[in-house]
Amino acid sequence: MSNSDEPIWQSHQRFMVKAIQLAEKAFEEGEVPVGAIVVHNNQIVGKGYNQVERLNDPTAHAEMLAISAACDTLGEKYLSECTLYVTLEPCPMCAGALVWSKIGTVVYGASDSKAGACGSVFNIAQNHQLNHRAEIIQGILEADCQYLLTSFFSSRRMKF
């Protein structure tokens, strides 16, 4: 079976596994374990994982880094034909970047009940007052994504 014959949910799971692998890298580096990839025409064109601590940069979220990498790869500032896969629901800052980059679709694993901006707490990515709205697909490999986050924060609490 070619990738074009693959059911969409299997494709979403396959790409989310890649984002989870990046989140695991963040975990290993002591960062909040969030990973993100941008896909265009079934190819990964950008990827990132949280590097806030490493770079001493509060904007170094996985989504921001993946979007920048995708724009660089494609030589475009708009990503309307792209899908972002991210292990945790984007925060307000990242959701704003999704709107400004005109990303076509956002697929995320775990919801963020404290700062989610793609439907949980806010819905910036689909706000009708803004000039762009992304399609949102949630809950892809949610348990795997949530487990990684829970494990990270549990290990942090045990250290203190």
N, C-alpha and C. Protein backbone atom coordinates (compact mmCIF):
# COMPACT_ATOMS: atom_id res chain seq x y z
N MET A 1 0.84 -1.18 0.00
CA MET A 1 0.00 0.00 0.00
C MET A 1 0.89 1.24 0.00
N SER A 2 0.63 2.16 -0.90
CA SER A 2 1.38 3.41 -0.91
C SER A 2 0.80 4.35 0.13
N ASN A 3 1.56 5.39 0.47
CA ASN A 3 1.09 6.36 1.45
C ASN A 3 -0.20 7.02 1.01
N SER A 4 -0.40 7.20 -0.30
CA SER A 4 -1.62 7.86 -0.77
C SER A 4 -2.84 6.97 -0.58
N ASP A 5 -2.64 5.65 -0.44
CA ASP A 5 -3.76 4.74 -0.20
C ASP A 5 -4.02 4.53 1.29
N GLU A 6 -3.16 5.07 2.13
CA GLU A 6 -3.26 4.89 3.57
C GLU A 6 -4.47 5.66 4.10
N PRO A 7 -5.30 5.03 4.93
CA PRO A 7 -6.42 5.77 5.54
C PRO A 7 -5.88 6.97 6.33
N ILE A 8 -6.64 8.04 6.34
CA ILE A 8 -6.17 9.29 6.95
C ILE A 8 -5.84 9.11 8.43
N TRP A 9 -6.61 8.35 9.18
CA TRP A 9 -6.33 8.16 10.60
C TRP A 9 -5.01 7.43 10.80
N GLN A 10 -4.67 6.50 9.92
CA GLN A 10 -3.37 5.82 10.02
C GLN A 10 -2.24 6.79 9.72
N SER A 11 -2.45 7.67 8.76
CA SER A 11 -1.46 8.68 8.43
C SER A 11 -1.26 9.61 9.63
N HIS A 12 -2.35 10.03 10.26
CA HIS A 12 -2.25 10.89 11.43
C HIS A 12 -1.47 10.18 12.55
N GLN A 13 -1.74 8.91 12.76
CA GLN A 13 -1.03 8.17 13.80
C GLN A 13 0.46 8.04 13.45
N ARG A 14 0.75 7.76 12.20
CA ARG A 14 2.15 7.60 11.77
C ARG A 14 2.94 8.88 12.00
N PHE A 15 2.37 10.02 11.67
CA PHE A 15 3.08 11.28 11.88
C PHE A 15 3.12 11.66 13.36
N MET A 16 2.08 11.33 14.11
CA MET A 16 2.10 11.63 15.55
C MET A 16 3.19 10.83 16.24
N VAL A 17 3.45 9.62 15.79
CA VAL A 17 4.56 8.84 16.36
C VAL A 17 5.87 9.60 16.19
N LYS A 18 6.06 10.24 15.06
CA LYS A 18 7.27 11.04 14.83
C LYS A 18 7.34 12.22 15.80
N ALA A 19 6.20 12.86 16.04
CA ALA A 19 6.16 13.98 16.99
C ALA A 19 6.45 13.48 18.41
N ILE A 20 5.94 12.30 18.74
CA ILE A 20 6.21 11.72 20.06
C ILE A 20 7.70 11.44 20.22
N GLN A 21 8.34 10.98 19.18
CA GLN A 21 9.79 10.72 19.25
C GLN A 21 10.55 12.02 19.56
N LEU A 22 10.12 13.12 19.00
CA LEU A 22 10.73 14.41 19.31
C LEU A 22 10.43 14.82 20.74
N ALA A 23 9.22 14.56 21.21
CA ALA A 23 8.86 14.87 22.60
C ALA A 23 9.73 14.06 23.56
N GLU A 24 10.03 12.83 23.20
CA GLU A 24 10.91 12.00 24.04
C GLU A 24 12.31 12.60 24.11
N LYS A 25 12.76 13.18 23.02
CA LYS A 25 14.06 13.85 23.01
C LYS A 25 14.04 15.04 23.97
N ALA A 26 12.95 15.81 23.95
CA ALA A 26 12.80 16.93 24.87
C ALA A 26 12.84 16.43 26.31
N PHE A 27 12.14 15.36 26.59
CA PHE A 27 12.11 14.75 27.93
C PHE A 27 13.52 14.42 28.39
N GLU A 28 14.30 13.76 27.51
CA GLU A 28 15.68 13.38 27.83
C GLU A 28 16.55 14.59 28.15
N GLU A 29 16.23 15.73 27.56
CA GLU A 29 17.00 16.95 27.77
C GLU A 29 16.45 17.81 28.91
N GLY A 30 15.46 17.30 29.63
CA GLY A 30 14.90 18.04 30.75
C GLY A 30 13.92 19.12 30.36
N GLU A 31 13.43 19.07 29.16
CA GLU A 31 12.44 20.03 28.66
C GLU A 31 11.05 19.43 28.80
N VAL A 32 10.03 20.26 28.88
CA VAL A 32 8.66 19.76 28.85
C VAL A 32 8.52 18.97 27.54
N PRO A 33 8.09 17.71 27.63
CA PRO A 33 8.11 16.83 26.46
C PRO A 33 7.01 17.11 25.44
N VAL A 34 7.28 18.05 24.58
CA VAL A 34 6.37 18.36 23.48
C VAL A 34 7.19 18.30 22.20
N GLY A 35 6.66 17.59 21.22
CA GLY A 35 7.29 17.49 19.91
C GLY A 35 6.30 17.88 18.84
N ALA A 36 6.82 18.43 17.73
CA ALA A 36 5.95 18.88 16.64
C ALA A 36 6.63 18.66 15.30
N ILE A 37 5.83 18.32 14.31
CA ILE A 37 6.32 18.24 12.94
C ILE A 37 5.31 18.92 12.02
N VAL A 38 5.81 19.44 10.91
CA VAL A 38 4.96 20.02 9.87
C VAL A 38 5.12 19.13 8.65
N VAL A 39 3.98 18.75 8.08
CA VAL A 39 3.95 17.85 6.93
C VAL A 39 3.33 18.57 5.74
N HIS A 40 3.99 18.43 4.59
CA HIS A 40 3.50 18.98 3.32
C HIS A 40 3.62 17.89 2.27
N ASN A 41 2.54 17.58 1.58
CA ASN A 41 2.53 16.52 0.57
C ASN A 41 3.12 15.21 1.11
N ASN A 42 2.71 14.86 2.31
CA ASN A 42 3.11 13.60 2.95
C ASN A 42 4.60 13.53 3.30
N GLN A 43 5.27 14.68 3.33
CA GLN A 43 6.69 14.75 3.68
C GLN A 43 6.88 15.69 4.86
N ILE A 44 7.77 15.32 5.76
CA ILE A 44 8.08 16.19 6.89
C ILE A 44 8.96 17.33 6.38
N VAL A 45 8.50 18.56 6.57
CA VAL A 45 9.25 19.73 6.10
C VAL A 45 9.75 20.60 7.25
N GLY A 46 9.31 20.28 8.47
CA GLY A 46 9.76 21.02 9.64
C GLY A 46 9.54 20.19 10.88
N LYS A 47 10.42 20.33 11.83
CA LYS A 47 10.24 19.62 13.09
C LYS A 47 10.86 20.42 14.22
N GLY A 48 10.37 20.15 15.42
CA GLY A 48 10.90 20.83 16.58
C GLY A 48 10.44 20.15 17.85
N TYR A 49 11.16 20.42 18.90
CA TYR A 49 10.75 19.98 20.23
C TYR A 49 11.09 21.10 21.18
N ASN A 50 10.42 21.12 22.33
CA ASN A 50 10.63 22.22 23.27
C ASN A 50 12.11 22.37 23.61
N GLN A 51 12.58 23.62 23.53
CA GLN A 51 13.97 23.94 23.87
C GLN A 51 14.04 25.23 24.69
N VAL A 52 13.00 25.47 25.46
CA VAL A 52 12.91 26.69 26.28
C VAL A 52 14.08 26.79 27.24
N GLU A 53 14.35 25.72 27.97
CA GLU A 53 15.44 25.72 28.96
C GLU A 53 16.80 25.81 28.29
N ARG A 54 16.99 25.01 27.29
CA ARG A 54 18.28 24.94 26.60
C ARG A 54 18.68 26.28 25.98
N LEU A 55 17.70 26.94 25.37
CA LEU A 55 17.97 28.19 24.67
C LEU A 55 17.69 29.43 25.53
N ASN A 56 17.19 29.22 26.75
CA ASN A 56 16.76 30.35 27.59
C ASN A 56 15.85 31.29 26.81
N ASP A 57 14.87 30.68 26.15
CA ASP A 57 13.98 31.42 25.26
C ASP A 57 12.55 30.94 25.49
N PRO A 58 11.69 31.76 26.08
CA PRO A 58 10.32 31.34 26.35
C PRO A 58 9.50 31.09 25.08
N THR A 59 9.99 31.50 23.93
CA THR A 59 9.27 31.25 22.68
C THR A 59 9.74 29.99 21.97
N ALA A 60 10.69 29.27 22.52
CA ALA A 60 11.26 28.10 21.85
C ALA A 60 10.39 26.86 22.08
N HIS A 61 9.11 27.00 21.78
CA HIS A 61 8.19 25.87 21.87
C HIS A 61 8.33 25.01 20.61
N ALA A 62 7.96 23.76 20.73
CA ALA A 62 8.07 22.81 19.62
C ALA A 62 7.39 23.32 18.35
N GLU A 63 6.18 23.87 18.52
CA GLU A 63 5.43 24.34 17.35
C GLU A 63 6.12 25.50 16.66
N MET A 64 6.64 26.43 17.45
CA MET A 64 7.31 27.61 16.88
C MET A 64 8.53 27.18 16.06
N LEU A 65 9.30 26.26 16.62
CA LEU A 65 10.50 25.79 15.93
C LEU A 65 10.14 25.00 14.66
N ALA A 66 9.09 24.19 14.74
CA ALA A 66 8.66 23.42 13.57
C ALA A 66 8.12 24.32 12.46
N ILE A 67 7.36 25.34 12.84
CA ILE A 67 6.83 26.28 11.85
C ILE A 67 7.97 27.03 11.16
N SER A 68 8.92 27.52 11.94
CA SER A 68 10.07 28.24 11.36
C SER A 68 10.84 27.35 10.40
N ALA A 69 11.06 26.10 10.81
CA ALA A 69 11.80 25.16 9.96
C ALA A 69 11.03 24.88 8.66
N ALA A 70 9.72 24.72 8.76
CA ALA A 70 8.91 24.45 7.57
C ALA A 70 8.92 25.64 6.61
N CYS A 71 8.79 26.83 7.15
CA CYS A 71 8.84 28.02 6.29
C CYS A 71 10.17 28.13 5.58
N ASP A 72 11.24 27.82 6.32
CA ASP A 72 12.58 27.84 5.72
C ASP A 72 12.72 26.79 4.63
N THR A 73 12.26 25.57 4.91
CA THR A 73 12.35 24.47 3.94
C THR A 73 11.57 24.79 2.67
N LEU A 74 10.36 25.30 2.84
CA LEU A 74 9.49 25.55 1.69
C LEU A 74 9.74 26.90 1.03
N GLY A 75 10.48 27.78 1.71
CA GLY A 75 10.70 29.12 1.18
C GLY A 75 9.42 29.92 1.12
N GLU A 76 8.54 29.67 2.07
CA GLU A 76 7.22 30.31 2.12
C GLU A 76 6.93 30.81 3.52
N LYS A 77 6.15 31.86 3.65
CA LYS A 77 5.74 32.31 4.98
C LYS A 77 4.37 31.77 5.35
N TYR A 78 3.63 31.25 4.38
CA TYR A 78 2.32 30.67 4.64
C TYR A 78 2.36 29.17 4.43
N LEU A 79 1.70 28.46 5.33
CA LEU A 79 1.72 26.99 5.32
C LEU A 79 0.32 26.42 5.15
N SER A 80 -0.47 27.03 4.27
CA SER A 80 -1.88 26.65 4.13
C SER A 80 -2.07 25.22 3.64
N GLU A 81 -1.10 24.67 2.97
CA GLU A 81 -1.19 23.29 2.47
C GLU A 81 -0.52 22.31 3.40
N CYS A 82 -0.22 22.73 4.61
CA CYS A 82 0.52 21.90 5.56
C CYS A 82 -0.33 21.49 6.76
N THR A 83 0.12 20.43 7.41
CA THR A 83 -0.48 19.95 8.65
C THR A 83 0.58 19.95 9.73
N LEU A 84 0.24 20.50 10.88
CA LEU A 84 1.11 20.47 12.05
C LEU A 84 0.64 19.33 12.95
N TYR A 85 1.55 18.46 13.32
CA TYR A 85 1.29 17.40 14.30
C TYR A 85 2.04 17.78 15.56
N VAL A 86 1.34 17.83 16.68
CA VAL A 86 1.97 18.22 17.94
C VAL A 86 1.39 17.38 19.07
N THR A 87 2.25 17.00 20.00
CA THR A 87 1.84 16.08 21.06
C THR A 87 0.94 16.72 22.10
N LEU A 88 1.00 18.04 22.26
CA LEU A 88 0.17 18.76 23.23
C LEU A 88 -0.54 19.90 22.52
N GLU A 89 -1.77 20.11 22.88
CA GLU A 89 -2.55 21.22 22.31
C GLU A 89 -1.76 22.52 22.41
N PRO A 90 -1.64 23.25 21.30
CA PRO A 90 -0.89 24.51 21.31
C PRO A 90 -1.40 25.54 22.31
N CYS A 91 -0.47 26.29 22.88
CA CYS A 91 -0.76 27.38 23.81
C CYS A 91 -1.20 28.61 22.99
N PRO A 92 -1.59 29.69 23.66
CA PRO A 92 -2.00 30.90 22.92
C PRO A 92 -0.93 31.45 21.98
N MET A 93 0.34 31.46 22.44
CA MET A 93 1.40 31.98 21.57
C MET A 93 1.52 31.14 20.30
N CYS A 94 1.54 29.83 20.48
CA CYS A 94 1.70 28.94 19.32
C CYS A 94 0.47 28.96 18.42
N ALA A 95 -0.71 29.04 19.03
CA ALA A 95 -1.93 29.13 18.23
C ALA A 95 -1.93 30.41 17.39
N GLY A 96 -1.41 31.49 17.96
CA GLY A 96 -1.27 32.73 17.19
C GLY A 96 -0.35 32.53 16.01
N ALA A 97 0.75 31.83 16.22
CA ALA A 97 1.69 31.55 15.12
C ALA A 97 1.03 30.67 14.06
N LEU A 98 0.15 29.77 14.47
CA LEU A 98 -0.57 28.93 13.51
C LEU A 98 -1.47 29.78 12.63
N VAL A 99 -2.12 30.77 13.25
CA VAL A 99 -2.98 31.67 12.49
C VAL A 99 -2.14 32.51 11.52
N TRP A 100 -1.04 33.10 12.02
CA TRP A 100 -0.22 33.97 11.17
C TRP A 100 0.45 33.21 10.04
N SER A 101 0.78 31.93 10.28
CA SER A 101 1.41 31.13 9.21
C SER A 101 0.36 30.50 8.30
N LYS A 102 -0.90 30.68 8.64
CA LYS A 102 -2.03 30.15 7.86
C LYS A 102 -1.95 28.63 7.68
N ILE A 103 -1.50 27.94 8.73
CA ILE A 103 -1.40 26.47 8.67
C ILE A 103 -2.78 25.90 8.36
N GLY A 104 -2.82 24.88 7.53
CA GLY A 104 -4.11 24.31 7.11
C GLY A 104 -4.80 23.49 8.18
N THR A 105 -4.04 22.59 8.80
CA THR A 105 -4.61 21.66 9.77
C THR A 105 -3.68 21.50 10.95
N VAL A 106 -4.26 21.37 12.13
CA VAL A 106 -3.51 21.09 13.35
C VAL A 106 -4.04 19.78 13.91
N VAL A 107 -3.13 18.83 14.13
CA VAL A 107 -3.48 17.55 14.73
C VAL A 107 -2.71 17.46 16.03
N TYR A 108 -3.42 17.33 17.15
CA TYR A 108 -2.71 17.22 18.42
C TYR A 108 -3.16 16.00 19.21
N GLY A 109 -2.27 15.60 20.12
CA GLY A 109 -2.53 14.42 20.94
C GLY A 109 -3.28 14.77 22.20
N ALA A 110 -2.58 15.29 23.20
CA ALA A 110 -3.18 15.58 24.51
C ALA A 110 -3.73 17.00 24.56
N SER A 111 -4.88 17.14 25.19
CA SER A 111 -5.45 18.47 25.44
C SER A 111 -4.71 19.12 26.59
N ASP A 112 -4.73 20.46 26.61
CA ASP A 112 -4.09 21.22 27.69
C ASP A 112 -5.17 22.02 28.41
N SER A 113 -5.59 21.52 29.57
CA SER A 113 -6.69 22.14 30.30
C SER A 113 -6.29 23.45 30.99
N LYS A 114 -5.00 23.78 30.96
CA LYS A 114 -4.54 25.02 31.60
C LYS A 114 -4.27 26.14 30.60
N ALA A 115 -3.76 25.79 29.42
CA ALA A 115 -3.38 26.83 28.47
C ALA A 115 -3.69 26.47 27.02
N GLY A 116 -4.52 25.48 26.80
CA GLY A 116 -4.83 25.06 25.43
C GLY A 116 -5.55 26.15 24.65
N ALA A 117 -5.11 26.39 23.43
CA ALA A 117 -5.69 27.47 22.63
C ALA A 117 -6.23 26.97 21.29
N CYS A 118 -6.53 25.67 21.25
CA CYS A 118 -7.16 25.10 20.06
C CYS A 118 -8.45 24.38 20.46
N GLY A 119 -9.15 24.96 21.44
CA GLY A 119 -10.44 24.44 21.84
C GLY A 119 -10.65 24.16 23.31
N SER A 120 -9.60 23.88 24.06
CA SER A 120 -9.78 23.53 25.48
C SER A 120 -10.10 24.74 26.36
N VAL A 121 -9.20 25.70 26.41
CA VAL A 121 -9.39 26.90 27.22
C VAL A 121 -9.76 28.07 26.31
N PHE A 122 -9.03 28.21 25.24
CA PHE A 122 -9.27 29.23 24.21
C PHE A 122 -9.44 28.52 22.88
N ASN A 123 -9.87 29.25 21.87
CA ASN A 123 -9.91 28.67 20.53
C ASN A 123 -9.40 29.69 19.53
N ILE A 124 -8.16 30.08 19.73
CA ILE A 124 -7.53 31.08 18.86
C ILE A 124 -7.41 30.57 17.43
N ALA A 125 -7.09 29.32 17.27
CA ALA A 125 -6.85 28.76 15.93
C ALA A 125 -8.10 28.73 15.06
N GLN A 126 -9.27 28.89 15.67
CA GLN A 126 -10.51 28.89 14.89
C GLN A 126 -11.37 30.13 15.17
N ASN A 127 -10.75 31.16 15.69
CA ASN A 127 -11.48 32.38 16.03
C ASN A 127 -11.92 33.10 14.76
N HIS A 128 -13.21 33.33 14.64
CA HIS A 128 -13.75 33.96 13.42
C HIS A 128 -13.41 35.44 13.29
N GLN A 129 -12.88 36.04 14.34
CA GLN A 129 -12.47 37.44 14.24
C GLN A 129 -11.08 37.58 13.62
N LEU A 130 -10.38 36.48 13.46
CA LEU A 130 -9.04 36.51 12.87
C LEU A 130 -9.13 36.17 11.38
N ASN A 131 -8.05 36.43 10.66
CA ASN A 131 -8.08 36.29 9.20
C ASN A 131 -7.87 34.86 8.70
N HIS A 132 -7.61 33.90 9.62
CA HIS A 132 -7.41 32.52 9.21
C HIS A 132 -7.90 31.60 10.32
N ARG A 133 -8.43 30.47 9.91
CA ARG A 133 -8.84 29.43 10.84
C ARG A 133 -8.29 28.10 10.36
N ALA A 134 -7.67 27.38 11.28
CA ALA A 134 -7.12 26.06 10.96
C ALA A 134 -8.14 24.98 11.31
N GLU A 135 -8.11 23.91 10.55
CA GLU A 135 -8.88 22.72 10.93
C GLU A 135 -8.18 22.09 12.13
N ILE A 136 -8.93 21.66 13.12
CA ILE A 136 -8.36 21.06 14.33
C ILE A 136 -8.82 19.61 14.45
N ILE A 137 -7.85 18.73 14.65
CA ILE A 137 -8.14 17.31 14.90
C ILE A 137 -7.44 16.97 16.20
N GLN A 138 -8.19 16.52 17.18
CA GLN A 138 -7.60 16.28 18.50
C GLN A 138 -7.67 14.81 18.88
N GLY A 139 -6.82 14.44 19.83
CA GLY A 139 -6.89 13.12 20.43
C GLY A 139 -6.15 12.01 19.71
N ILE A 140 -5.30 12.33 18.75
CA ILE A 140 -4.54 11.30 18.04
C ILE A 140 -3.42 10.80 18.96
N LEU A 141 -3.43 9.52 19.29
CA LEU A 141 -2.48 8.90 20.22
C LEU A 141 -2.43 9.67 21.55
N GLU A 142 -3.60 10.12 21.97
CA GLU A 142 -3.72 10.95 23.16
C GLU A 142 -3.10 10.30 24.40
N ALA A 143 -3.37 9.02 24.62
CA ALA A 143 -2.86 8.35 25.82
C ALA A 143 -1.34 8.34 25.84
N ASP A 144 -0.72 8.10 24.70
CA ASP A 144 0.75 8.09 24.62
C ASP A 144 1.32 9.47 24.92
N CYS A 145 0.70 10.48 24.35
CA CYS A 145 1.15 11.86 24.56
C CYS A 145 0.97 12.26 26.02
N GLN A 146 -0.17 11.93 26.59
CA GLN A 146 -0.46 12.28 27.98
C GLN A 146 0.48 11.54 28.93
N TYR A 147 0.78 10.29 28.64
CA TYR A 147 1.67 9.50 29.50
C TYR A 147 3.05 10.16 29.59
N LEU A 148 3.56 10.62 28.47
CA LEU A 148 4.87 11.27 28.44
C LEU A 148 4.86 12.53 29.31
N LEU A 149 3.83 13.34 29.20
CA LEU A 149 3.72 14.56 30.00
C LEU A 149 3.58 14.23 31.49
N THR A 150 2.71 13.29 31.80
CA THR A 150 2.50 12.90 33.20
C THR A 150 3.79 12.35 33.81
N SER A 151 4.50 11.53 33.06
CA SER A 151 5.77 10.97 33.54
C SER A 151 6.79 12.06 33.81
N PHE A 152 6.86 13.03 32.92
CA PHE A 152 7.81 14.13 33.07
C PHE A 152 7.51 14.92 34.35
N PHE A 153 6.28 15.34 34.52
CA PHE A 153 5.95 16.15 35.68
C PHE A 153 6.03 15.36 36.99
N SER A 154 5.71 14.08 36.94
CA SER A 154 5.87 13.23 38.13
C SER A 154 7.33 13.13 38.53
N SER A 155 8.21 12.97 37.55
CA SER A 155 9.65 12.86 37.86
C SER A 155 10.19 14.19 38.40
N ARG A 156 9.65 15.29 37.93
CA ARG A 156 10.07 16.61 38.42
C ARG A 156 9.65 16.81 39.88
N ARG A 157 8.43 16.39 40.19
CA ARG A 157 7.93 16.53 41.56
C ARG A 157 8.73 15.67 42.53
N MET A 158 9.18 14.51 42.08
CA MET A 158 9.93 13.60 42.95
C MET A 158 11.29 14.17 43.31
N LYS A 159 11.85 15.04 42.47
CA LYS A 159 13.17 15.63 42.71
C LYS A 159 13.13 16.70 43.80
N PHE A 160 11.94 17.25 44.06
CA PHE A 160 11.82 18.36 45.02
C PHE A 160 11.26 17.91 46.33
